Amino acid sequence: MPTPLTPQRLLQAYALGVFPMAEDADSPELMWFDPPRRGILPLDAFHIPRRLSRTLRRAPYDIRVDTAFEQVMRLCAAPAEGRERTWINDEILALYTALHRMGHAHSVEAWSGDALVGGLYGVSLGAAFFGESMFSRATDASKLALVHLVARLRAGGFTLLDTQFVTEHLSQFGAVEIPRAEYKRRLAAAIGQRGVWEVDQAAVWRVLAAEGAPPVSP
C-alpha cells in the first residue's frame, strides 16, 4: 500500500526539486516532475514591461496577501479561456491548503472592491519560492500580482523564484530555463537561507519605487 502523501513529505519533495501535478481535476493520482530544464524568474533581473509599469502606477486593484488562499487555488483550477483542463485535483487542494496553514504556502491577490479578480499562489521554503499557478479575471490582474510577489520576495531576502516551466506569459518578465543540475545547486543554496514572507507593505512599495513604479498612494 503506498505511503500517503502528507504536507511534510511534500515539503521534502520540494527540497529535492520535485513537484506533483494531477493529470486533471478528476484524476485520483499524482504524477511527479523533475524536468531536465527548469524555469526560474531571476529576482535581480525581473523585467516589468513598460505598459504594465504605467498600470502599476495607477494601482487599479487592491493587492492583498494570504486573505483568500483556498479561493485563489479554486479559481486557478477553474476552466478559463485557453485552459479547459487543470492539474489541480482534490488532493492537491487539500495538501496546499494544509501547507498554507503551516505557513509554507501563500497567495497574492488582486481585488476590485469585494471581487477577487486575479492572483497566484505558491510554496515557500527557506529563501526559495515555488510559483504554482495564477489566474486572471480582469485586465492585468495576475500580472500585477506577480509584480507584487517579486517585490515582496526581494524585500524579504528570497533568492530563488521557481516557475517550473517557462511560458510566453512569463518570458516577458525575464523568465529563463536552466539545466536541472544548476537549478538544484541554486535550490540547495536557497533553502539553506531564510526568506521572510511577512514584510511590511511599505518595504514592498520601496522595491517597486526603485524599479521606477512608485504607487499612487502608499
N, C-alpha and C. Protein backbone atom coordinates (compact mmCIF):
# COMPACT_ATOMS: atom_id res chain seq x y z
N MET A 1 0.86 -1.19 0.00
CA MET A 1 0.00 0.00 0.00
C MET A 1 0.89 1.24 0.00
N PRO A 2 0.67 2.20 -0.93
CA PRO A 2 1.55 3.36 -0.99
C PRO A 2 1.46 4.23 0.25
N THR A 3 2.58 4.86 0.59
CA THR A 3 2.60 5.76 1.74
C THR A 3 1.82 7.02 1.41
N PRO A 4 0.89 7.44 2.26
CA PRO A 4 0.10 8.64 1.97
C PRO A 4 1.01 9.87 1.87
N LEU A 5 0.67 10.75 0.95
CA LEU A 5 1.42 11.99 0.81
C LEU A 5 0.92 12.98 1.85
N THR A 6 1.83 13.45 2.67
CA THR A 6 1.50 14.42 3.71
C THR A 6 2.13 15.76 3.34
N PRO A 7 1.68 16.85 3.98
CA PRO A 7 2.33 18.14 3.73
C PRO A 7 3.83 18.11 4.01
N GLN A 8 4.23 17.40 5.05
CA GLN A 8 5.65 17.31 5.38
C GLN A 8 6.44 16.62 4.26
N ARG A 9 5.88 15.53 3.73
CA ARG A 9 6.55 14.83 2.63
C ARG A 9 6.57 15.70 1.38
N LEU A 10 5.54 16.49 1.19
CA LEU A 10 5.51 17.39 0.04
C LEU A 10 6.63 18.41 0.14
N LEU A 11 6.86 18.96 1.32
CA LEU A 11 7.96 19.90 1.50
C LEU A 11 9.31 19.23 1.25
N GLN A 12 9.44 17.97 1.67
CA GLN A 12 10.68 17.24 1.40
C GLN A 12 10.91 17.08 -0.09
N ALA A 13 9.83 16.84 -0.83
CA ALA A 13 9.94 16.72 -2.28
C ALA A 13 10.40 18.04 -2.90
N TYR A 14 9.83 19.14 -2.45
CA TYR A 14 10.25 20.45 -2.97
C TYR A 14 11.73 20.70 -2.69
N ALA A 15 12.18 20.29 -1.52
CA ALA A 15 13.59 20.49 -1.17
C ALA A 15 14.52 19.70 -2.09
N LEU A 16 13.99 18.64 -2.71
CA LEU A 16 14.76 17.84 -3.66
C LEU A 16 14.54 18.29 -5.10
N GLY A 17 13.69 19.29 -5.30
CA GLY A 17 13.46 19.80 -6.65
C GLY A 17 12.37 19.08 -7.40
N VAL A 18 11.50 18.37 -6.70
CA VAL A 18 10.44 17.57 -7.34
C VAL A 18 9.09 18.16 -6.95
N PHE A 19 8.15 18.20 -7.90
CA PHE A 19 6.83 18.75 -7.60
C PHE A 19 5.74 17.87 -8.23
N PRO A 20 4.55 17.86 -7.63
CA PRO A 20 3.46 16.99 -8.12
C PRO A 20 2.45 17.75 -8.98
N MET A 21 1.80 17.01 -9.86
CA MET A 21 0.66 17.51 -10.63
C MET A 21 -0.26 16.32 -10.87
N ALA A 22 -1.55 16.60 -10.99
CA ALA A 22 -2.51 15.57 -11.38
C ALA A 22 -2.76 15.68 -12.89
N GLU A 23 -3.17 14.59 -13.50
CA GLU A 23 -3.46 14.64 -14.93
C GLU A 23 -4.62 15.57 -15.22
N ASP A 24 -5.62 15.56 -14.35
CA ASP A 24 -6.73 16.51 -14.46
C ASP A 24 -7.44 16.55 -13.11
N ALA A 25 -8.47 17.36 -13.01
CA ALA A 25 -9.15 17.57 -11.73
C ALA A 25 -9.78 16.29 -11.18
N ASP A 26 -10.14 15.37 -12.06
CA ASP A 26 -10.81 14.15 -11.62
C ASP A 26 -9.86 12.98 -11.39
N SER A 27 -8.60 13.17 -11.67
CA SER A 27 -7.64 12.08 -11.51
C SER A 27 -7.38 11.82 -10.03
N PRO A 28 -7.38 10.55 -9.61
CA PRO A 28 -7.13 10.23 -8.20
C PRO A 28 -5.64 10.12 -7.88
N GLU A 29 -4.78 10.20 -8.88
CA GLU A 29 -3.35 10.00 -8.67
C GLU A 29 -2.57 11.26 -9.01
N LEU A 30 -1.40 11.38 -8.37
CA LEU A 30 -0.50 12.47 -8.65
C LEU A 30 0.71 11.95 -9.42
N MET A 31 1.22 12.77 -10.31
CA MET A 31 2.44 12.47 -11.04
C MET A 31 3.53 13.41 -10.53
N TRP A 32 4.77 12.91 -10.51
CA TRP A 32 5.89 13.71 -10.00
C TRP A 32 6.76 14.17 -11.16
N PHE A 33 7.25 15.41 -11.06
CA PHE A 33 8.02 16.01 -12.14
C PHE A 33 9.35 16.53 -11.62
N ASP A 34 10.38 16.26 -12.42
CA ASP A 34 11.73 16.76 -12.16
C ASP A 34 12.34 17.05 -13.54
N PRO A 35 11.88 18.11 -14.21
CA PRO A 35 12.23 18.34 -15.61
C PRO A 35 13.72 18.57 -15.81
N PRO A 36 14.26 18.16 -16.97
CA PRO A 36 15.68 18.34 -17.23
C PRO A 36 16.10 19.80 -17.34
N ARG A 37 15.16 20.67 -17.69
CA ARG A 37 15.41 22.11 -17.69
C ARG A 37 14.30 22.77 -16.88
N ARG A 38 14.71 23.67 -16.00
CA ARG A 38 13.76 24.24 -15.03
C ARG A 38 13.58 25.73 -15.29
N GLY A 39 12.34 26.19 -15.20
CA GLY A 39 12.07 27.60 -15.36
C GLY A 39 12.25 28.35 -14.05
N ILE A 40 12.94 29.49 -14.13
CA ILE A 40 13.08 30.37 -12.97
C ILE A 40 12.88 31.81 -13.44
N LEU A 41 12.52 32.66 -12.50
CA LEU A 41 12.46 34.10 -12.75
C LEU A 41 13.53 34.75 -11.90
N PRO A 42 14.66 35.14 -12.50
CA PRO A 42 15.74 35.75 -11.69
C PRO A 42 15.24 37.01 -10.99
N LEU A 43 15.32 37.05 -9.69
CA LEU A 43 14.77 38.17 -8.94
C LEU A 43 15.54 39.46 -9.18
N ASP A 44 16.82 39.33 -9.48
CA ASP A 44 17.63 40.53 -9.70
C ASP A 44 17.59 41.01 -11.15
N ALA A 45 16.85 40.30 -11.99
CA ALA A 45 16.74 40.70 -13.40
C ALA A 45 15.28 40.70 -13.85
N PHE A 46 14.38 40.85 -12.90
CA PHE A 46 12.95 40.86 -13.22
C PHE A 46 12.63 42.10 -14.05
N HIS A 47 11.88 41.89 -15.12
CA HIS A 47 11.56 42.98 -16.05
C HIS A 47 10.06 43.27 -16.02
N ILE A 48 9.72 44.55 -15.77
CA ILE A 48 8.32 44.98 -15.82
C ILE A 48 8.10 45.67 -17.17
N PRO A 49 7.28 45.09 -18.05
CA PRO A 49 7.01 45.74 -19.33
C PRO A 49 6.50 47.17 -19.13
N ARG A 50 6.83 48.06 -20.08
CA ARG A 50 6.54 49.49 -19.91
C ARG A 50 5.05 49.76 -19.71
N ARG A 51 4.21 49.12 -20.50
CA ARG A 51 2.77 49.36 -20.36
C ARG A 51 2.28 48.93 -18.99
N LEU A 52 2.79 47.78 -18.52
CA LEU A 52 2.37 47.29 -17.20
C LEU A 52 2.87 48.21 -16.09
N SER A 53 4.04 48.80 -16.28
CA SER A 53 4.56 49.73 -15.29
C SER A 53 3.63 50.93 -15.13
N ARG A 54 3.08 51.41 -16.25
CA ARG A 54 2.13 52.52 -16.17
C ARG A 54 0.87 52.08 -15.41
N THR A 55 0.42 50.86 -15.68
CA THR A 55 -0.76 50.35 -14.97
C THR A 55 -0.47 50.21 -13.48
N LEU A 56 0.72 49.75 -13.14
CA LEU A 56 1.11 49.58 -11.75
C LEU A 56 1.06 50.92 -11.01
N ARG A 57 1.49 51.99 -11.66
CA ARG A 57 1.46 53.31 -11.03
C ARG A 57 0.03 53.78 -10.76
N ARG A 58 -0.90 53.35 -11.60
CA ARG A 58 -2.30 53.73 -11.40
C ARG A 58 -2.94 52.95 -10.24
N ALA A 59 -2.36 51.79 -9.92
CA ALA A 59 -2.87 50.93 -8.84
C ALA A 59 -4.36 50.65 -8.99
N PRO A 60 -4.77 49.96 -10.08
CA PRO A 60 -6.20 49.74 -10.31
C PRO A 60 -6.82 48.71 -9.37
N TYR A 61 -5.99 47.89 -8.71
CA TYR A 61 -6.52 46.86 -7.83
C TYR A 61 -5.90 46.99 -6.44
N ASP A 62 -6.61 46.47 -5.49
CA ASP A 62 -6.10 46.35 -4.13
C ASP A 62 -5.36 45.03 -4.03
N ILE A 63 -4.06 45.09 -3.81
CA ILE A 63 -3.25 43.87 -3.74
C ILE A 63 -3.16 43.42 -2.28
N ARG A 64 -3.62 42.21 -2.02
CA ARG A 64 -3.62 41.65 -0.68
C ARG A 64 -2.83 40.35 -0.68
N VAL A 65 -2.46 39.92 0.50
CA VAL A 65 -1.64 38.71 0.67
C VAL A 65 -2.31 37.78 1.68
N ASP A 66 -2.50 36.53 1.28
CA ASP A 66 -2.94 35.47 2.19
C ASP A 66 -4.31 35.73 2.82
N THR A 67 -5.20 36.41 2.12
CA THR A 67 -6.54 36.62 2.69
C THR A 67 -7.57 35.66 2.11
N ALA A 68 -7.23 34.98 1.00
CA ALA A 68 -8.20 34.09 0.34
C ALA A 68 -7.46 32.96 -0.37
N PHE A 69 -6.59 32.28 0.36
CA PHE A 69 -5.71 31.29 -0.27
C PHE A 69 -6.50 30.21 -0.99
N GLU A 70 -7.43 29.58 -0.30
CA GLU A 70 -8.16 28.47 -0.93
C GLU A 70 -8.98 28.97 -2.12
N GLN A 71 -9.54 30.15 -2.02
CA GLN A 71 -10.31 30.70 -3.14
C GLN A 71 -9.41 30.92 -4.35
N VAL A 72 -8.19 31.39 -4.12
CA VAL A 72 -7.24 31.56 -5.22
C VAL A 72 -6.97 30.21 -5.88
N MET A 73 -6.73 29.19 -5.08
CA MET A 73 -6.48 27.87 -5.66
C MET A 73 -7.66 27.39 -6.50
N ARG A 74 -8.85 27.57 -5.99
CA ARG A 74 -10.03 27.10 -6.72
C ARG A 74 -10.22 27.88 -8.02
N LEU A 75 -9.92 29.16 -8.01
CA LEU A 75 -10.03 29.94 -9.24
C LEU A 75 -8.93 29.59 -10.23
N CYS A 76 -7.75 29.22 -9.72
CA CYS A 76 -6.68 28.73 -10.60
C CYS A 76 -7.10 27.43 -11.28
N ALA A 77 -7.90 26.63 -10.58
CA ALA A 77 -8.33 25.33 -11.12
C ALA A 77 -9.55 25.44 -12.02
N ALA A 78 -10.24 26.56 -11.97
CA ALA A 78 -11.48 26.71 -12.74
C ALA A 78 -11.19 26.83 -14.24
N PRO A 79 -12.06 26.29 -15.08
CA PRO A 79 -11.87 26.46 -16.54
C PRO A 79 -11.82 27.93 -16.91
N ALA A 80 -10.96 28.24 -17.87
CA ALA A 80 -10.81 29.62 -18.32
C ALA A 80 -10.51 29.61 -19.81
N GLU A 81 -10.57 30.77 -20.41
CA GLU A 81 -10.28 30.87 -21.84
C GLU A 81 -8.86 30.39 -22.10
N GLY A 82 -8.74 29.43 -23.02
CA GLY A 82 -7.44 28.87 -23.34
C GLY A 82 -6.99 27.77 -22.42
N ARG A 83 -7.80 27.45 -21.40
CA ARG A 83 -7.44 26.36 -20.47
C ARG A 83 -8.70 25.66 -20.04
N GLU A 84 -8.92 24.49 -20.62
CA GLU A 84 -10.12 23.72 -20.29
C GLU A 84 -9.86 22.69 -19.19
N ARG A 85 -8.59 22.29 -19.01
CA ARG A 85 -8.28 21.27 -18.02
C ARG A 85 -7.33 21.85 -16.98
N THR A 86 -7.32 21.23 -15.82
CA THR A 86 -6.45 21.68 -14.75
C THR A 86 -5.71 20.49 -14.16
N TRP A 87 -4.55 20.76 -13.57
CA TRP A 87 -3.79 19.71 -12.89
C TRP A 87 -4.06 19.75 -11.39
N ILE A 88 -4.97 20.62 -10.93
CA ILE A 88 -5.25 20.78 -9.51
C ILE A 88 -6.46 19.90 -9.15
N ASN A 89 -6.20 18.78 -8.50
CA ASN A 89 -7.30 17.91 -8.07
C ASN A 89 -7.57 18.11 -6.58
N ASP A 90 -8.46 17.31 -6.02
CA ASP A 90 -8.84 17.50 -4.62
C ASP A 90 -7.66 17.27 -3.67
N GLU A 91 -6.79 16.32 -4.00
CA GLU A 91 -5.64 16.06 -3.13
C GLU A 91 -4.67 17.24 -3.14
N ILE A 92 -4.43 17.79 -4.33
CA ILE A 92 -3.58 18.97 -4.42
C ILE A 92 -4.16 20.11 -3.59
N LEU A 93 -5.46 20.33 -3.73
CA LEU A 93 -6.12 21.40 -2.98
C LEU A 93 -5.96 21.19 -1.47
N ALA A 94 -6.17 19.98 -1.01
CA ALA A 94 -6.06 19.70 0.43
C ALA A 94 -4.63 19.85 0.93
N LEU A 95 -3.67 19.37 0.16
CA LEU A 95 -2.26 19.43 0.58
C LEU A 95 -1.76 20.87 0.67
N TYR A 96 -2.10 21.67 -0.32
CA TYR A 96 -1.55 23.02 -0.34
C TYR A 96 -2.28 23.95 0.64
N THR A 97 -3.55 23.71 0.88
CA THR A 97 -4.21 24.49 1.93
C THR A 97 -3.64 24.12 3.30
N ALA A 98 -3.23 22.87 3.46
CA ALA A 98 -2.55 22.48 4.70
C ALA A 98 -1.21 23.17 4.83
N LEU A 99 -0.47 23.25 3.71
CA LEU A 99 0.81 23.98 3.73
C LEU A 99 0.58 25.45 4.06
N HIS A 100 -0.52 26.00 3.57
CA HIS A 100 -0.84 27.39 3.88
C HIS A 100 -1.05 27.57 5.38
N ARG A 101 -1.78 26.66 5.99
CA ARG A 101 -2.00 26.75 7.43
C ARG A 101 -0.69 26.61 8.21
N MET A 102 0.27 25.90 7.63
CA MET A 102 1.58 25.72 8.27
C MET A 102 2.50 26.91 8.02
N GLY A 103 2.09 27.85 7.15
CA GLY A 103 2.93 29.00 6.84
C GLY A 103 3.88 28.77 5.70
N HIS A 104 3.69 27.69 4.92
CA HIS A 104 4.59 27.38 3.81
C HIS A 104 3.97 27.59 2.43
N ALA A 105 2.74 28.04 2.36
CA ALA A 105 2.12 28.34 1.07
C ALA A 105 1.40 29.67 1.19
N HIS A 106 1.47 30.45 0.13
CA HIS A 106 0.97 31.82 0.19
C HIS A 106 0.26 32.21 -1.09
N SER A 107 -0.60 33.21 -0.97
CA SER A 107 -1.28 33.76 -2.13
C SER A 107 -1.06 35.26 -2.19
N VAL A 108 -0.98 35.77 -3.42
CA VAL A 108 -1.00 37.21 -3.67
C VAL A 108 -2.24 37.45 -4.52
N GLU A 109 -3.08 38.39 -4.09
CA GLU A 109 -4.42 38.52 -4.65
C GLU A 109 -4.66 39.94 -5.16
N ALA A 110 -5.36 40.05 -6.27
CA ALA A 110 -5.79 41.35 -6.80
C ALA A 110 -7.30 41.45 -6.62
N TRP A 111 -7.72 42.47 -5.90
CA TRP A 111 -9.13 42.67 -5.60
C TRP A 111 -9.64 43.95 -6.25
N SER A 112 -10.85 43.89 -6.77
CA SER A 112 -11.56 45.07 -7.25
C SER A 112 -12.81 45.19 -6.40
N GLY A 113 -12.77 46.06 -5.42
CA GLY A 113 -13.85 46.09 -4.44
C GLY A 113 -13.91 44.78 -3.68
N ASP A 114 -15.06 44.13 -3.69
CA ASP A 114 -15.22 42.85 -3.00
C ASP A 114 -14.97 41.65 -3.90
N ALA A 115 -14.53 41.89 -5.13
CA ALA A 115 -14.34 40.81 -6.10
C ALA A 115 -12.86 40.45 -6.22
N LEU A 116 -12.57 39.17 -6.10
CA LEU A 116 -11.23 38.66 -6.33
C LEU A 116 -11.06 38.44 -7.83
N VAL A 117 -10.25 39.27 -8.47
CA VAL A 117 -10.18 39.28 -9.94
C VAL A 117 -8.88 38.71 -10.50
N GLY A 118 -7.95 38.38 -9.64
CA GLY A 118 -6.70 37.79 -10.12
C GLY A 118 -5.83 37.40 -8.95
N GLY A 119 -4.85 36.56 -9.22
CA GLY A 119 -3.95 36.18 -8.15
C GLY A 119 -3.09 34.98 -8.50
N LEU A 120 -2.28 34.60 -7.56
CA LEU A 120 -1.37 33.47 -7.73
C LEU A 120 -1.12 32.85 -6.36
N TYR A 121 -0.57 31.64 -6.38
CA TYR A 121 -0.18 31.01 -5.12
C TYR A 121 1.08 30.20 -5.34
N GLY A 122 1.77 29.90 -4.25
CA GLY A 122 2.99 29.10 -4.35
C GLY A 122 3.45 28.68 -2.98
N VAL A 123 4.60 28.02 -2.95
CA VAL A 123 5.17 27.42 -1.74
C VAL A 123 6.47 28.12 -1.40
N SER A 124 6.68 28.40 -0.13
CA SER A 124 7.95 28.98 0.31
C SER A 124 8.69 27.98 1.19
N LEU A 125 9.99 27.95 1.00
CA LEU A 125 10.86 27.05 1.77
C LEU A 125 12.23 27.70 1.84
N GLY A 126 12.64 28.08 3.04
CA GLY A 126 13.90 28.82 3.15
C GLY A 126 13.78 30.14 2.41
N ALA A 127 14.72 30.39 1.51
CA ALA A 127 14.69 31.60 0.69
C ALA A 127 14.28 31.28 -0.75
N ALA A 128 13.55 30.18 -0.92
CA ALA A 128 13.04 29.79 -2.23
C ALA A 128 11.52 29.92 -2.24
N PHE A 129 10.99 30.38 -3.37
CA PHE A 129 9.54 30.40 -3.55
C PHE A 129 9.23 29.67 -4.84
N PHE A 130 8.28 28.76 -4.77
CA PHE A 130 7.91 27.92 -5.90
C PHE A 130 6.53 28.35 -6.40
N GLY A 131 6.50 29.08 -7.50
CA GLY A 131 5.23 29.52 -8.05
C GLY A 131 4.46 28.35 -8.62
N GLU A 132 3.19 28.25 -8.28
CA GLU A 132 2.39 27.11 -8.70
C GLU A 132 1.40 27.43 -9.82
N SER A 133 0.57 28.42 -9.62
CA SER A 133 -0.43 28.73 -10.64
C SER A 133 -0.94 30.15 -10.42
N MET A 134 -1.57 30.72 -11.46
CA MET A 134 -2.16 32.03 -11.36
C MET A 134 -3.43 32.07 -12.20
N PHE A 135 -4.27 33.06 -11.93
CA PHE A 135 -5.48 33.23 -12.72
C PHE A 135 -5.75 34.72 -12.85
N SER A 136 -6.55 35.08 -13.85
CA SER A 136 -6.91 36.47 -14.06
C SER A 136 -8.33 36.55 -14.61
N ARG A 137 -9.14 37.41 -14.01
CA ARG A 137 -10.49 37.67 -14.49
C ARG A 137 -10.69 39.15 -14.79
N ALA A 138 -9.61 39.90 -14.80
CA ALA A 138 -9.65 41.32 -15.14
C ALA A 138 -8.29 41.67 -15.75
N THR A 139 -8.27 42.70 -16.57
CA THR A 139 -7.05 43.08 -17.29
C THR A 139 -5.87 43.27 -16.35
N ASP A 140 -4.79 42.54 -16.61
CA ASP A 140 -3.50 42.67 -15.92
C ASP A 140 -3.54 42.27 -14.44
N ALA A 141 -4.63 41.68 -13.97
CA ALA A 141 -4.74 41.38 -12.54
C ALA A 141 -3.67 40.39 -12.09
N SER A 142 -3.48 39.29 -12.82
CA SER A 142 -2.48 38.32 -12.40
C SER A 142 -1.07 38.86 -12.60
N LYS A 143 -0.88 39.68 -13.63
CA LYS A 143 0.45 40.27 -13.87
C LYS A 143 0.85 41.19 -12.72
N LEU A 144 -0.09 41.99 -12.25
CA LEU A 144 0.23 42.87 -11.13
C LEU A 144 0.47 42.07 -9.85
N ALA A 145 -0.25 40.96 -9.68
CA ALA A 145 0.02 40.09 -8.53
C ALA A 145 1.44 39.54 -8.60
N LEU A 146 1.88 39.18 -9.81
CA LEU A 146 3.25 38.67 -9.97
C LEU A 146 4.27 39.75 -9.66
N VAL A 147 4.04 40.97 -10.12
CA VAL A 147 4.97 42.07 -9.83
C VAL A 147 5.07 42.28 -8.32
N HIS A 148 3.95 42.25 -7.63
CA HIS A 148 3.98 42.41 -6.18
C HIS A 148 4.64 41.22 -5.50
N LEU A 149 4.45 40.03 -6.03
CA LEU A 149 5.14 38.86 -5.48
C LEU A 149 6.65 39.06 -5.54
N VAL A 150 7.15 39.43 -6.71
CA VAL A 150 8.60 39.59 -6.87
C VAL A 150 9.13 40.67 -5.92
N ALA A 151 8.41 41.78 -5.81
CA ALA A 151 8.85 42.84 -4.90
C ALA A 151 8.88 42.35 -3.46
N ARG A 152 7.87 41.56 -3.06
CA ARG A 152 7.83 41.02 -1.71
C ARG A 152 9.00 40.05 -1.48
N LEU A 153 9.28 39.21 -2.45
CA LEU A 153 10.39 38.27 -2.30
C LEU A 153 11.72 38.99 -2.19
N ARG A 154 11.90 40.02 -2.99
CA ARG A 154 13.15 40.79 -2.91
C ARG A 154 13.26 41.51 -1.57
N ALA A 155 12.15 42.09 -1.11
CA ALA A 155 12.18 42.78 0.18
C ALA A 155 12.46 41.81 1.33
N GLY A 156 12.03 40.56 1.18
CA GLY A 156 12.20 39.57 2.24
C GLY A 156 13.46 38.73 2.15
N GLY A 157 14.33 39.04 1.19
CA GLY A 157 15.60 38.32 1.11
C GLY A 157 15.55 36.97 0.43
N PHE A 158 14.50 36.70 -0.35
CA PHE A 158 14.45 35.45 -1.10
C PHE A 158 15.47 35.50 -2.24
N THR A 159 15.96 34.34 -2.63
CA THR A 159 16.99 34.30 -3.68
C THR A 159 16.59 33.48 -4.90
N LEU A 160 15.49 32.72 -4.80
CA LEU A 160 15.09 31.86 -5.91
C LEU A 160 13.58 31.91 -6.09
N LEU A 161 13.15 32.19 -7.33
CA LEU A 161 11.73 32.10 -7.71
C LEU A 161 11.61 31.06 -8.81
N ASP A 162 11.09 29.91 -8.44
CA ASP A 162 10.93 28.78 -9.35
C ASP A 162 9.59 28.90 -10.07
N THR A 163 9.60 28.88 -11.40
CA THR A 163 8.36 28.92 -12.17
C THR A 163 8.04 27.56 -12.78
N GLN A 164 8.86 26.55 -12.51
CA GLN A 164 8.70 25.20 -13.04
C GLN A 164 8.97 25.15 -14.55
N PHE A 165 8.15 25.84 -15.33
CA PHE A 165 8.34 25.90 -16.77
C PHE A 165 8.35 27.37 -17.21
N VAL A 166 8.83 27.61 -18.41
CA VAL A 166 8.81 28.97 -18.97
C VAL A 166 7.72 29.04 -20.03
N THR A 167 6.80 29.97 -19.85
CA THR A 167 5.74 30.20 -20.82
C THR A 167 5.98 31.54 -21.50
N GLU A 168 5.25 31.77 -22.58
CA GLU A 168 5.35 33.08 -23.24
C GLU A 168 4.95 34.20 -22.28
N HIS A 169 3.95 33.91 -21.45
CA HIS A 169 3.50 34.89 -20.47
C HIS A 169 4.62 35.26 -19.51
N LEU A 170 5.38 34.27 -19.03
CA LEU A 170 6.43 34.53 -18.06
C LEU A 170 7.71 35.09 -18.70
N SER A 171 7.94 34.75 -19.96
CA SER A 171 9.18 35.19 -20.61
C SER A 171 9.24 36.71 -20.73
N GLN A 172 8.08 37.38 -20.80
CA GLN A 172 8.09 38.84 -20.91
C GLN A 172 8.61 39.49 -19.63
N PHE A 173 8.62 38.74 -18.53
CA PHE A 173 9.14 39.26 -17.26
C PHE A 173 10.60 38.85 -17.03
N GLY A 174 11.17 38.09 -17.94
CA GLY A 174 12.57 37.69 -17.80
C GLY A 174 12.79 36.25 -17.38
N ALA A 175 11.75 35.42 -17.41
CA ALA A 175 11.91 34.01 -17.04
C ALA A 175 12.84 33.30 -18.00
N VAL A 176 13.67 32.41 -17.47
CA VAL A 176 14.63 31.66 -18.27
C VAL A 176 14.63 30.21 -17.83
N GLU A 177 15.17 29.35 -18.68
CA GLU A 177 15.37 27.94 -18.33
C GLU A 177 16.83 27.71 -17.98
N ILE A 178 17.04 26.89 -16.96
CA ILE A 178 18.40 26.50 -16.61
C ILE A 178 18.44 24.98 -16.48
N PRO A 179 19.62 24.35 -16.66
CA PRO A 179 19.71 22.89 -16.54
C PRO A 179 19.37 22.42 -15.13
N ARG A 180 18.90 21.19 -15.06
CA ARG A 180 18.50 20.61 -13.77
C ARG A 180 19.61 20.72 -12.73
N ALA A 181 20.84 20.41 -13.09
CA ALA A 181 21.93 20.44 -12.12
C ALA A 181 22.16 21.84 -11.57
N GLU A 182 22.07 22.84 -12.44
CA GLU A 182 22.24 24.22 -12.00
C GLU A 182 21.07 24.63 -11.10
N TYR A 183 19.87 24.21 -11.46
CA TYR A 183 18.71 24.53 -10.64
C TYR A 183 18.88 23.93 -9.24
N LYS A 184 19.30 22.70 -9.16
CA LYS A 184 19.41 22.05 -7.85
C LYS A 184 20.54 22.66 -7.02
N ARG A 185 21.55 23.18 -7.68
CA ARG A 185 22.60 23.90 -6.94
C ARG A 185 22.01 25.17 -6.33
N ARG A 186 21.25 25.91 -7.14
CA ARG A 186 20.63 27.13 -6.63
C ARG A 186 19.59 26.82 -5.56
N LEU A 187 18.86 25.74 -5.74
CA LEU A 187 17.84 25.35 -4.78
C LEU A 187 18.47 25.03 -3.42
N ALA A 188 19.54 24.25 -3.43
CA ALA A 188 20.19 23.88 -2.17
C ALA A 188 20.68 25.12 -1.43
N ALA A 189 21.24 26.08 -2.19
CA ALA A 189 21.70 27.31 -1.55
C ALA A 189 20.53 28.10 -0.98
N ALA A 190 19.42 28.15 -1.71
CA ALA A 190 18.28 28.96 -1.28
C ALA A 190 17.60 28.39 -0.04
N ILE A 191 17.39 27.07 0.00
CA ILE A 191 16.67 26.52 1.15
C ILE A 191 17.54 26.49 2.41
N GLY A 192 18.84 26.73 2.24
CA GLY A 192 19.72 26.85 3.39
C GLY A 192 19.74 28.25 3.98
N GLN A 193 18.99 29.16 3.36
CA GLN A 193 18.90 30.53 3.84
C GLN A 193 17.49 30.80 4.35
N ARG A 194 17.29 31.99 4.86
CA ARG A 194 15.97 32.34 5.42
C ARG A 194 15.38 33.50 4.65
N GLY A 195 14.25 33.26 4.03
CA GLY A 195 13.49 34.33 3.42
C GLY A 195 12.34 34.72 4.34
N VAL A 196 12.01 35.99 4.36
CA VAL A 196 10.95 36.50 5.23
C VAL A 196 9.77 36.88 4.36
N TRP A 197 8.67 36.16 4.50
CA TRP A 197 7.47 36.46 3.72
C TRP A 197 6.71 37.65 4.30
N GLU A 198 6.60 37.71 5.61
CA GLU A 198 5.79 38.74 6.27
C GLU A 198 6.56 40.05 6.37
N VAL A 199 6.76 40.70 5.23
CA VAL A 199 7.43 42.01 5.23
C VAL A 199 6.37 43.10 5.19
N ASP A 200 6.75 44.27 5.65
CA ASP A 200 5.84 45.41 5.65
C ASP A 200 5.53 45.83 4.22
N GLN A 201 4.27 46.18 3.96
CA GLN A 201 3.88 46.57 2.61
C GLN A 201 4.68 47.79 2.13
N ALA A 202 5.09 48.65 3.06
CA ALA A 202 5.90 49.80 2.67
C ALA A 202 7.23 49.35 2.06
N ALA A 203 7.78 48.25 2.57
CA ALA A 203 9.03 47.73 2.02
C ALA A 203 8.81 47.21 0.60
N VAL A 204 7.65 46.62 0.36
CA VAL A 204 7.32 46.16 -1.00
C VAL A 204 7.25 47.35 -1.94
N TRP A 205 6.59 48.42 -1.51
CA TRP A 205 6.48 49.61 -2.38
C TRP A 205 7.84 50.26 -2.61
N ARG A 206 8.74 50.18 -1.64
CA ARG A 206 10.07 50.75 -1.86
C ARG A 206 10.80 50.00 -2.97
N VAL A 207 10.64 48.68 -3.01
CA VAL A 207 11.24 47.90 -4.09
C VAL A 207 10.62 48.31 -5.42
N LEU A 208 9.31 48.46 -5.46
CA LEU A 208 8.64 48.86 -6.69
C LEU A 208 9.07 50.25 -7.12
N ALA A 209 9.22 51.15 -6.16
CA ALA A 209 9.65 52.51 -6.49
C ALA A 209 11.05 52.51 -7.08
N ALA A 210 11.91 51.61 -6.59
CA ALA A 210 13.27 51.51 -7.12
C ALA A 210 13.27 51.04 -8.57
N GLU A 211 12.18 50.35 -8.96
CA GLU A 211 12.03 49.89 -10.33
C GLU A 211 11.37 50.95 -11.21
N GLY A 212 11.15 52.14 -10.63
CA GLY A 212 10.52 53.20 -11.41
C GLY A 212 9.02 53.14 -11.43
N ALA A 213 8.43 52.42 -10.48
CA ALA A 213 6.98 52.27 -10.45
C ALA A 213 6.43 52.61 -9.07
N PRO A 214 6.56 53.88 -8.64
CA PRO A 214 6.01 54.24 -7.33
C PRO A 214 4.50 54.18 -7.35
N PRO A 215 3.89 53.92 -6.21
CA PRO A 215 2.43 53.81 -6.16
C PRO A 215 1.74 55.15 -6.23
N VAL A 216 0.45 55.12 -6.50
CA VAL A 216 -0.34 56.32 -6.43
C VAL A 216 -0.39 56.81 -4.98
N SER A 217 -0.57 55.87 -4.06
CA SER A 217 -0.53 56.21 -2.63
C SER A 217 0.06 55.02 -1.89
N PRO A 218 0.83 55.21 -0.82
CA PRO A 218 1.47 54.11 -0.10
C PRO A 218 0.45 53.18 0.51
